[in-house]
C-alpha cells in the first residue's frame, strides 16, 4: 500500500500496534497492516484564552500570551499524550499564572518581556516531554480591572489639568513681573511717561473729511 508524505509531514509507523519508527517525506510502499500517524512539523502559533490571574497584591489581571511552537519529535508527540496540544496549552497557562502571581499589578505591563521569558522557561521541560519545541512566547495583552483603568484615566486627566494650570500661572507671573518692571521704571524715570505720551500722540491718526471739489 502506497503512502505519500509531504515535506512538512512526518509519520509515526505502527505495525499491528507495535511502534516501528518514523517515516520521512516521500512516497512509501508499506504493508496493509502498517498504520501511519501523520504529524505536521511546521511552526505554528497558539494563543491561549485570556485568564484572570491574581497578582501578589491581590488584583485580578487579565493576561494573554502568544506562543510559537513546532513538533521536534513526532514519536513523542504521538505517544506521550492523547492530546499534546491541550497539554501544551495547560502548561502555558500554569507557567503564566506562576509568573504573574509573583508580581504586583503595577509591574505586569512594564515587565512583559520578563514574564514571557519566565513562561518560556516554565514550559520547556513539559514541551520536551511532548516532543515539542517552544521557540517564542510574547505577552500580547494586559488588561487591568475597570476600577483601576478608570483611576488611571482620572490620574492622567488630573496631571494634564495640573500642567495646564501651571502654564497659566507661569504666564500670569510673567505678565505681573512685566507690569512691575514698567512701574519701577516709571517711578525711577518720570520722563519716560512723557516720552510714552508723545509716542502715543504721534501715532494717532485723525480722519479728515475729503475736500469737495
Protein backbone atom coordinates (compact mmCIF):
# COMPACT_ATOMS: atom_id res chain seq x y z
CA UNK A 1 0.00 0.00 0.00
CA UNK A 2 1.46 3.40 -1.03
CA UNK A 3 1.70 6.39 1.32
CA UNK A 4 2.90 9.85 0.31
CA UNK A 5 4.26 12.29 2.87
CA UNK A 6 4.77 15.96 2.03
CA UNK A 7 7.90 17.90 3.01
CA UNK A 8 6.21 19.37 6.11
CA UNK A 9 4.98 15.97 7.30
CA UNK A 10 6.47 13.14 9.31
CA UNK A 11 4.74 9.91 10.21
CA UNK A 12 4.97 7.52 13.11
CA UNK A 13 4.61 3.92 11.94
CA UNK A 14 2.94 1.13 13.86
CA UNK A 15 2.79 -2.46 12.64
CA UNK A 16 -0.06 -4.35 14.30
CA UNK A 17 0.08 -1.94 17.21
CA UNK A 18 3.83 -2.06 17.65
CA UNK A 19 5.85 1.13 17.25
CA UNK A 20 8.27 0.75 14.36
CA UNK A 21 9.68 4.24 13.91
CA UNK A 22 9.32 7.46 11.98
CA UNK A 23 8.75 7.80 8.25
CA UNK A 24 10.32 10.67 6.32
CA UNK A 25 8.71 12.69 3.48
CA UNK A 26 8.29 10.93 0.14
CA UNK A 27 6.36 8.00 -1.28
CA UNK A 28 6.49 4.75 0.66
CA UNK A 29 5.11 1.32 -0.12
CA UNK A 30 4.08 -0.33 3.12
CA UNK A 31 2.18 -3.48 4.04
CA UNK A 32 -1.54 -3.21 4.68
CA UNK A 33 -1.15 -3.81 8.40
CA UNK A 34 1.11 -0.74 8.75
CA UNK A 35 -0.60 2.29 10.29
CA UNK A 36 0.84 5.80 9.92
CA UNK A 37 0.11 8.68 12.27
CA UNK A 38 0.91 11.84 10.31
CA UNK A 39 2.38 14.85 12.12
CA UNK A 40 2.70 18.38 10.77
CA UNK A 41 6.14 19.72 11.79
CA UNK A 42 5.68 23.28 10.54
CA UNK A 43 5.89 26.09 13.13
CA UNK A 44 2.51 27.15 14.44
CA UNK A 45 1.06 29.70 16.85
CA UNK A 46 -1.03 29.12 19.95
CA UNK A 47 -2.99 31.88 21.68
CA UNK A 48 -4.45 30.53 24.93
CA UNK A 49 -7.63 32.19 26.11
CA UNK A 50 -7.11 35.20 28.37
CA UNK A 51 -7.22 34.28 32.02
CA UNK A 52 -7.74 36.41 35.12
CA UNK A 53 -4.70 35.87 37.30
CA UNK A 54 -4.28 37.31 40.82
CA UNK A 55 -1.16 39.40 41.33
CA UNK A 56 0.90 39.46 44.51
CA UNK A 57 -1.18 42.40 45.77
CA UNK A 58 -4.50 40.68 45.11
CA UNK A 59 -5.57 42.36 41.85
CA UNK A 60 -7.08 40.19 39.11
CA UNK A 61 -5.27 40.98 35.87
CA UNK A 62 -6.27 39.54 32.51
CA UNK A 63 -3.20 38.47 30.54
CA UNK A 64 -2.96 36.98 27.05
CA UNK A 65 0.15 35.37 25.59
CA UNK A 66 1.11 34.16 22.12
CA UNK A 67 3.21 31.01 21.86
CA UNK A 68 5.14 29.93 18.77
CA UNK A 69 5.97 26.23 18.72
CA UNK A 70 6.70 23.26 16.49
CA UNK A 71 6.93 19.48 16.71
CA UNK A 72 10.53 18.28 17.01
CA UNK A 73 9.90 14.63 17.92
CA UNK A 74 6.90 13.16 16.07
CA UNK A 75 7.18 9.91 18.03
CA UNK A 76 6.87 11.58 21.44
CA UNK A 77 4.17 13.88 20.07
CA UNK A 78 2.07 10.85 19.13
CA UNK A 79 2.92 8.54 22.02
CA UNK A 80 3.28 10.69 25.15
CA UNK A 81 -0.21 12.23 25.31
CA UNK A 82 -3.60 11.71 23.72
CA UNK A 83 -3.91 15.49 23.24
CA UNK A 84 -0.41 17.01 23.13
CA UNK A 85 -1.65 20.45 22.05
CA UNK A 86 -4.05 20.56 25.00
CA UNK A 87 -1.22 19.52 27.32
CA UNK A 88 0.99 22.32 25.99
CA UNK A 89 -1.93 24.75 26.36
CA UNK A 90 -2.29 23.82 30.03
CA UNK A 91 1.47 24.08 30.64
CA UNK A 92 1.49 27.60 29.19
CA UNK A 93 -1.45 28.70 31.34
CA UNK A 94 0.18 27.34 34.51
CA UNK A 95 3.53 28.96 33.71
CA UNK A 96 1.82 32.28 33.02
CA UNK A 97 -0.06 32.09 36.29
CA UNK A 98 3.17 31.43 38.17
CA UNK A 99 4.90 34.40 36.55
CA UNK A 100 2.05 36.82 37.33
CA UNK A 101 1.48 35.65 40.92
CA UNK A 102 4.92 36.87 42.00
CA UNK A 103 4.39 40.45 40.78
CA UNK A 104 2.34 43.45 41.87
CA UNK A 105 -0.29 44.61 39.38
CA UNK A 106 1.70 47.76 38.59
CA UNK A 107 4.65 45.63 37.41
CA UNK A 108 2.78 43.37 34.98
CA UNK A 109 2.70 45.67 31.97
CA UNK A 110 6.25 47.09 32.34
CA UNK A 111 7.67 43.57 32.80
CA UNK A 112 6.06 41.88 29.79
CA UNK A 113 9.39 40.64 28.44
CA UNK A 114 10.43 39.17 31.79
CA UNK A 115 7.07 37.41 32.16
CA UNK A 116 7.34 35.99 28.65
CA UNK A 117 10.85 34.70 29.42
CA UNK A 118 9.60 33.02 32.61
CA UNK A 119 6.74 31.35 30.73
CA UNK A 120 9.18 30.12 28.09
CA UNK A 121 11.41 28.63 30.78
CA UNK A 122 8.45 27.19 32.66
CA UNK A 123 7.06 25.21 29.71
CA UNK A 124 10.39 23.98 28.33
CA UNK A 125 10.50 20.70 30.27
CA UNK A 126 6.90 19.72 29.55
CA UNK A 127 7.27 20.72 25.91
CA UNK A 128 10.29 18.43 25.53
CA UNK A 129 8.32 15.53 27.03
CA UNK A 130 5.62 16.14 24.41
CA UNK A 131 8.12 16.25 21.55
CA UNK A 132 7.62 19.96 21.09
CA UNK A 133 9.96 22.95 20.97
CA UNK A 134 8.64 26.35 22.07
CA UNK A 135 10.51 28.97 20.07
CA UNK A 136 8.99 32.16 21.44
CA UNK A 137 6.49 33.49 23.96
CA UNK A 138 5.12 37.04 23.88
CA UNK A 139 2.71 38.81 26.21
CA UNK A 140 0.10 40.27 23.87
CA UNK A 141 -2.45 41.93 26.17
CA UNK A 142 -2.55 43.09 29.78
CA UNK A 143 -5.97 44.28 30.93
CA UNK A 144 -6.49 45.76 34.37
CA UNK A 145 -9.87 45.76 36.19
CA UNK A 146 -12.27 48.54 35.22
CA UNK A 147 -11.82 50.35 38.52
CA UNK A 148 -8.06 50.59 38.04
CA UNK A 149 -8.44 51.72 34.42
CA UNK A 150 -10.81 54.49 35.48
CA UNK A 151 -8.46 55.51 38.30
CA UNK A 152 -5.51 55.61 35.90
CA UNK A 153 -7.51 57.73 33.45
CA UNK A 154 -8.52 60.13 36.24
CA UNK A 155 -4.86 60.39 37.27
CA UNK A 156 -3.82 61.25 33.70
CA UNK A 157 -6.57 63.88 33.44
CA UNK A 158 -5.56 65.40 36.78
CA UNK A 159 -1.90 65.51 35.73
CA UNK A 160 -2.83 67.17 32.43
CA UNK A 161 -5.00 69.75 34.18
CA UNK A 162 -2.20 70.41 36.67
CA UNK A 163 0.28 71.06 33.86
CA UNK A 164 -2.19 73.43 32.16
CA UNK A 165 -2.77 75.30 35.43
CA UNK A 166 0.98 75.58 35.96
CA UNK A 167 1.45 77.06 32.49
CA UNK A 168 -1.33 79.58 33.13
CA UNK A 169 0.27 80.56 36.45
CA UNK A 170 3.62 81.00 34.75
CA UNK A 171 2.04 83.25 32.12
CA UNK A 172 0.29 85.34 34.75
CA UNK A 173 3.52 85.62 36.77
CA UNK A 174 5.42 86.78 33.70
CA UNK A 175 2.75 89.40 32.96
CA UNK A 176 2.81 90.68 36.55
CA UNK A 177 6.60 90.81 36.51
CA UNK A 178 6.49 92.86 33.30
CA UNK A 179 3.99 95.31 34.84
CA UNK A 180 6.11 95.58 37.98
CA UNK A 181 9.21 96.37 35.95
CA UNK A 182 7.30 99.02 34.00
CA UNK A 183 6.06 100.60 37.21
CA UNK A 184 9.56 100.72 38.65
CA UNK A 185 10.93 102.34 35.52
CA UNK A 186 8.18 104.95 35.56
CA UNK A 187 8.85 105.67 39.22
CA UNK A 188 12.59 105.96 38.74
CA UNK A 189 12.41 107.88 35.46
CA UNK A 190 9.29 110.09 35.28
CA UNK A 191 10.45 111.47 31.92
CA UNK A 192 9.72 108.08 30.37
CA UNK A 193 6.00 108.67 30.91
CA UNK A 194 6.17 111.94 28.94
CA UNK A 195 8.08 110.23 26.13
CA UNK A 196 5.50 107.47 26.07
CA UNK A 197 2.68 110.00 25.90
CA UNK A 198 4.37 111.81 22.97
CA UNK A 199 4.92 108.49 21.20
CA UNK A 200 1.27 107.59 21.62
CA UNK A 201 0.15 111.01 20.38
CA UNK A 202 2.33 110.77 17.27
CA UNK A 203 0.72 107.51 16.27
CA UNK A 204 -2.85 108.79 16.46
CA UNK A 205 -4.38 109.11 13.02
CA UNK A 206 -7.04 111.79 12.56
CA UNK A 207 -9.58 111.13 9.82
CA UNK A 208 -10.28 114.32 7.93
CA UNK A 209 -13.29 114.76 5.66
CA UNK A 210 -12.47 114.78 1.99
CA UNK A 211 -12.42 118.17 0.29
CA UNK A 212 -15.30 118.96 -2.00
CA UNK A 213 -14.18 119.76 -5.48
